[in-house]
C-alpha cells in the first residue's frame, strides 16, 4: 500500500470543493486531511498518474493539483493527522442521528423537508 499526498488550489472553490473532496476520499482504503486542501490517501495499486486522471476531470483549467507519493513520516505544526477508513455501503445510519458518512449515503426520505435559507437584513 502506498501513501499519496494530494493538495489542490481551486480558483472557484464554491463550485466543486465538495465533489473534489468526495472523489479524494473514495480513492483508497483510508484518508487523512491535515489541512483544508491537503490530503493523505493510502491506496493499493494506484499511481500518481492514475489519481491525477481521476481528479483532473473535476477541476478547472485555472485550478492547481499536486499528487505525490510520500513516506509516512511527516512533521506537522498546529495540526493533527487522524486517519479515517474508507466507508463502504451499506452504512447503518439512524435517521436524525449525529453520524455523518463520507461520501454521504442517500437516505430513503428526510424526516423533515429542508427549510430555505433566509438572508439577514
C-alpha atoms as a PDB file:
ATOM      1  CA  UNK A   1       0.000   0.000   0.000  1.00  0.00           C
ATOM      2  CA  UNK A   2       1.279   3.459  -0.905  1.00  0.00           C
ATOM      3  CA  UNK A   3       0.618   6.828   0.711  1.00  0.00           C
ATOM      4  CA  UNK A   4      -0.126   9.788  -1.544  1.00  0.00           C
ATOM      5  CA  UNK A   5      -0.113  13.486  -0.743  1.00  0.00           C
ATOM      6  CA  UNK A   6      -2.871  15.315  -2.628  1.00  0.00           C
ATOM      7  CA  UNK A   7      -3.191  19.071  -2.488  1.00  0.00           C
ATOM      8  CA  UNK A   8      -5.239  21.411  -4.620  1.00  0.00           C
ATOM      9  CA  UNK A   9      -5.979  25.095  -5.085  1.00  0.00           C
ATOM     10  CA  UNK A  10      -9.383  25.844  -6.583  1.00  0.00           C
ATOM     11  CA  UNK A  11      -9.894  29.227  -8.241  1.00  0.00           C
ATOM     12  CA  UNK A  12     -13.650  28.937  -7.536  1.00  0.00           C
ATOM     13  CA  UNK A  13     -13.925  26.604  -4.519  1.00  0.00           C
ATOM     14  CA  UNK A  14     -17.653  27.140  -4.051  1.00  0.00           C
ATOM     15  CA  UNK A  15     -18.322  25.333  -7.352  1.00  0.00           C
ATOM     16  CA  UNK A  16     -16.767  21.921  -6.797  1.00  0.00           C
ATOM     17  CA  UNK A  17     -14.928  21.795  -3.451  1.00  0.00           C
ATOM     18  CA  UNK A  18     -17.187  19.066  -2.060  1.00  0.00           C
ATOM     19  CA  UNK A  19     -17.105  16.997  -5.246  1.00  0.00           C
ATOM     20  CA  UNK A  20     -13.294  17.007  -5.224  1.00  0.00           C
ATOM     21  CA  UNK A  21     -13.261  16.063  -1.508  1.00  0.00           C
ATOM     22  CA  UNK A  22     -15.622  13.122  -2.068  1.00  0.00           C
ATOM     23  CA  UNK A  23     -13.533  11.913  -5.009  1.00  0.00           C
ATOM     24  CA  UNK A  24     -10.358  12.041  -2.907  1.00  0.00           C
ATOM     25  CA  UNK A  25     -11.997  10.110  -0.046  1.00  0.00           C
ATOM     26  CA  UNK A  26     -13.035   7.374  -2.474  1.00  0.00           C
ATOM     27  CA  UNK A  27      -9.543   6.854  -3.957  1.00  0.00           C
ATOM     28  CA  UNK A  28      -8.113   4.432  -1.420  1.00  0.00           C
ATOM     29  CA  UNK A  29      -8.616   2.392   1.700  1.00  0.00           C
ATOM     30  CA  UNK A  30      -8.068   5.286   4.123  1.00  0.00           C
ATOM     31  CA  UNK A  31      -7.528   9.019   4.102  1.00  0.00           C
ATOM     32  CA  UNK A  32      -6.490  11.908   6.328  1.00  0.00           C
ATOM     33  CA  UNK A  33      -6.983  15.650   5.911  1.00  0.00           C
ATOM     34  CA  UNK A  34      -4.434  17.592   7.995  1.00  0.00           C
ATOM     35  CA  UNK A  35      -5.166  20.915   6.250  1.00  0.00           C
ATOM     36  CA  UNK A  36      -8.218  22.185   4.393  1.00  0.00           C
ATOM     37  CA  UNK A  37      -6.931  21.441   0.893  1.00  0.00           C
ATOM     38  CA  UNK A  38      -4.244  18.882   1.741  1.00  0.00           C
ATOM     39  CA  UNK A  39      -4.967  15.174   1.960  1.00  0.00           C
ATOM     40  CA  UNK A  40      -3.138  11.903   2.548  1.00  0.00           C
ATOM     41  CA  UNK A  41      -4.607   8.811   0.873  1.00  0.00           C
ATOM     42  CA  UNK A  42      -3.487   5.203   1.398  1.00  0.00           C
ATOM     43  CA  UNK A  43      -4.218   3.193  -1.722  1.00  0.00           C
ATOM     44  CA  UNK A  44      -3.307  -0.109  -3.324  1.00  0.00           C
ATOM     45  CA  UNK A  45      -2.295  -0.384  -6.976  1.00  0.00           C
ATOM     46  CA  UNK A  46      -2.574   3.342  -7.670  1.00  0.00           C
ATOM     47  CA  UNK A  47      -0.080   5.667  -9.275  1.00  0.00           C
ATOM     48  CA  UNK A  48       0.251   9.432  -9.246  1.00  0.00           C
ATOM     49  CA  UNK A  49      -0.888   9.486 -12.866  1.00  0.00           C
ATOM     50  CA  UNK A  50      -3.999   7.381 -12.171  1.00  0.00           C
ATOM     51  CA  UNK A  51      -5.034   9.634  -9.294  1.00  0.00           C
ATOM     52  CA  UNK A  52      -4.370  12.761 -11.347  1.00  0.00           C
ATOM     53  CA  UNK A  53      -6.535  11.434 -14.197  1.00  0.00           C
ATOM     54  CA  UNK A  54      -9.434  10.770 -11.813  1.00  0.00           C
ATOM     55  CA  UNK A  55      -9.242  14.214 -10.211  1.00  0.00           C
ATOM     56  CA  UNK A  56      -8.391  16.248 -13.325  1.00  0.00           C
ATOM     57  CA  UNK A  57     -11.906  15.744 -14.666  1.00  0.00           C
ATOM     58  CA  UNK A  58     -13.250  17.573 -11.584  1.00  0.00           C
ATOM     59  CA  UNK A  59     -11.068  20.673 -11.658  1.00  0.00           C
ATOM     60  CA  UNK A  60     -11.000  23.666 -13.979  1.00  0.00           C
ATOM     61  CA  UNK A  61      -8.121  24.850 -16.152  1.00  0.00           C
ATOM     62  CA  UNK A  62      -7.223  27.592 -13.650  1.00  0.00           C
ATOM     63  CA  UNK A  63      -7.114  25.208 -10.634  1.00  0.00           C
ATOM     64  CA  UNK A  64      -3.919  23.639  -9.260  1.00  0.00           C
ATOM     65  CA  UNK A  65      -3.408  19.979  -8.329  1.00  0.00           C
ATOM     66  CA  UNK A  66      -0.472  18.200  -6.672  1.00  0.00           C
ATOM     67  CA  UNK A  67      -0.306  14.403  -6.384  1.00  0.00           C
ATOM     68  CA  UNK A  68       2.855  12.864  -4.904  1.00  0.00           C
ATOM     69  CA  UNK A  69       3.776   9.504  -3.418  1.00  0.00           C
ATOM     70  CA  UNK A  70       5.238  10.078   0.058  1.00  0.00           C
ATOM     71  CA  UNK A  71       6.706   8.253   3.005  1.00  0.00           C
ATOM     72  CA  UNK A  72       4.598   8.029   6.135  1.00  0.00           C
ATOM     73  CA  UNK A  73       6.852  10.261   8.246  1.00  0.00           C
ATOM     74  CA  UNK A  74       5.877  13.933   8.355  1.00  0.00           C
ATOM     75  CA  UNK A  75       6.303  16.971  10.575  1.00  0.00           C
ATOM     76  CA  UNK A  76       3.042  18.789  11.324  1.00  0.00           C
ATOM     77  CA  UNK A  77       2.732  22.132  13.097  1.00  0.00           C
ATOM     78  CA  UNK A  78      -0.576  23.390  14.524  1.00  0.00           C
ATOM     79  CA  UNK A  79      -2.489  20.490  13.016  1.00  0.00           C
ATOM     80  CA  UNK A  80      -3.124  16.817  13.672  1.00  0.00           C
ATOM     81  CA  UNK A  81      -3.130  13.745  11.494  1.00  0.00           C
ATOM     82  CA  UNK A  82      -6.081  11.423  12.017  1.00  0.00           C
ATOM     83  CA  UNK A  83      -6.712   8.554   9.618  1.00  0.00           C
ATOM     84  CA  UNK A  84     -10.208   7.530   8.581  1.00  0.00           C
ATOM     85  CA  UNK A  85     -11.116   4.264   6.904  1.00  0.00           C
ATOM     86  CA  UNK A  86     -12.971   4.341   3.632  1.00  0.00           C
ATOM     87  CA  UNK A  87     -16.583   3.527   4.393  1.00  0.00           C
ATOM     88  CA  UNK A  88     -18.332   1.030   2.175  1.00  0.00           C
ATOM     89  CA  UNK A  89     -22.064   0.594   1.626  1.00  0.00           C
ATOM     90  CA  UNK A  90     -24.283  -0.353   3.318  1.00  0.00           C
ATOM     91  CA  UNK A  91     -23.881   2.195   6.062  1.00  0.00           C
ATOM     92  CA  UNK A  92     -26.100   1.810   9.106  1.00  0.00           C
ATOM     93  CA  UNK A  93     -27.251   5.328   9.817  1.00  0.00           C
ATOM     94  CA  UNK A  94     -30.020   6.265  12.196  1.00  0.00           C
ATOM     95  CA  UNK A  95     -32.312   8.991  10.795  1.00  0.00           C
ATOM     96  CA  UNK A  96     -31.803  12.119  12.838  1.00  0.00           C
ATOM     97  CA  UNK A  97     -28.583  10.747  14.341  1.00  0.00           C
ATOM     98  CA  UNK A  98     -25.322  12.638  14.537  1.00  0.00           C
ATOM     99  CA  UNK A  99     -23.251  10.234  12.397  1.00  0.00           C
ATOM    100  CA  UNK A 100     -22.140  11.652   9.058  1.00  0.00           C
ATOM    101  CA  UNK A 101     -20.537   9.363   6.491  1.00  0.00           C
ATOM    102  CA  UNK A 102     -18.420  10.444   3.537  1.00  0.00           C
ATOM    103  CA  UNK A 103     -19.362  10.125   0.822  1.00  0.00           C
ATOM    104  CA  UNK A 104     -22.818  10.852   2.176  1.00  0.00           C
ATOM    105  CA  UNK A 105     -25.218   7.937   1.844  1.00  0.00           C
ATOM    106  CA  UNK A 106     -28.608   8.579   0.319  1.00  0.00           C
ATOM    107  CA  UNK A 107     -31.323   8.142   2.904  1.00  0.00           C
ATOM    108  CA  UNK A 108     -34.787   6.937   1.910  1.00  0.00           C
ATOM    109  CA  UNK A 109     -36.591  10.166   2.833  1.00  0.00           C
ATOM    110  CA  UNK A 110     -35.759  13.021   5.145  1.00  0.00           C
ATOM    111  CA  UNK A 111     -37.698  13.275   8.384  1.00  0.00           C
ATOM    112  CA  UNK A 112     -38.399  16.948   7.616  1.00  0.00           C
ATOM    113  CA  UNK A 113     -38.114  18.899   4.393  1.00  0.00           C
ATOM    114  CA  UNK A 114     -35.157  21.243   4.286  1.00  0.00           C
ATOM    115  CA  UNK A 115     -36.098  24.838   5.045  1.00  0.00           C
ATOM    116  CA  UNK A 116     -34.948  27.659   2.753  1.00  0.00           C
ATOM    117  CA  UNK A 117     -32.042  29.764   3.958  1.00  0.00           C
ATOM    118  CA  UNK A 118     -33.129  33.281   4.893  1.00  0.00           C
ATOM    119  CA  UNK A 119     -30.796  36.186   4.390  1.00  0.00           C
ATOM    120  CA  UNK A 120     -30.332  38.641   7.223  1.00  0.00           C
ATOM    121  CA  UNK A 121     -31.392  42.174   6.617  1.00  0.00           C
END
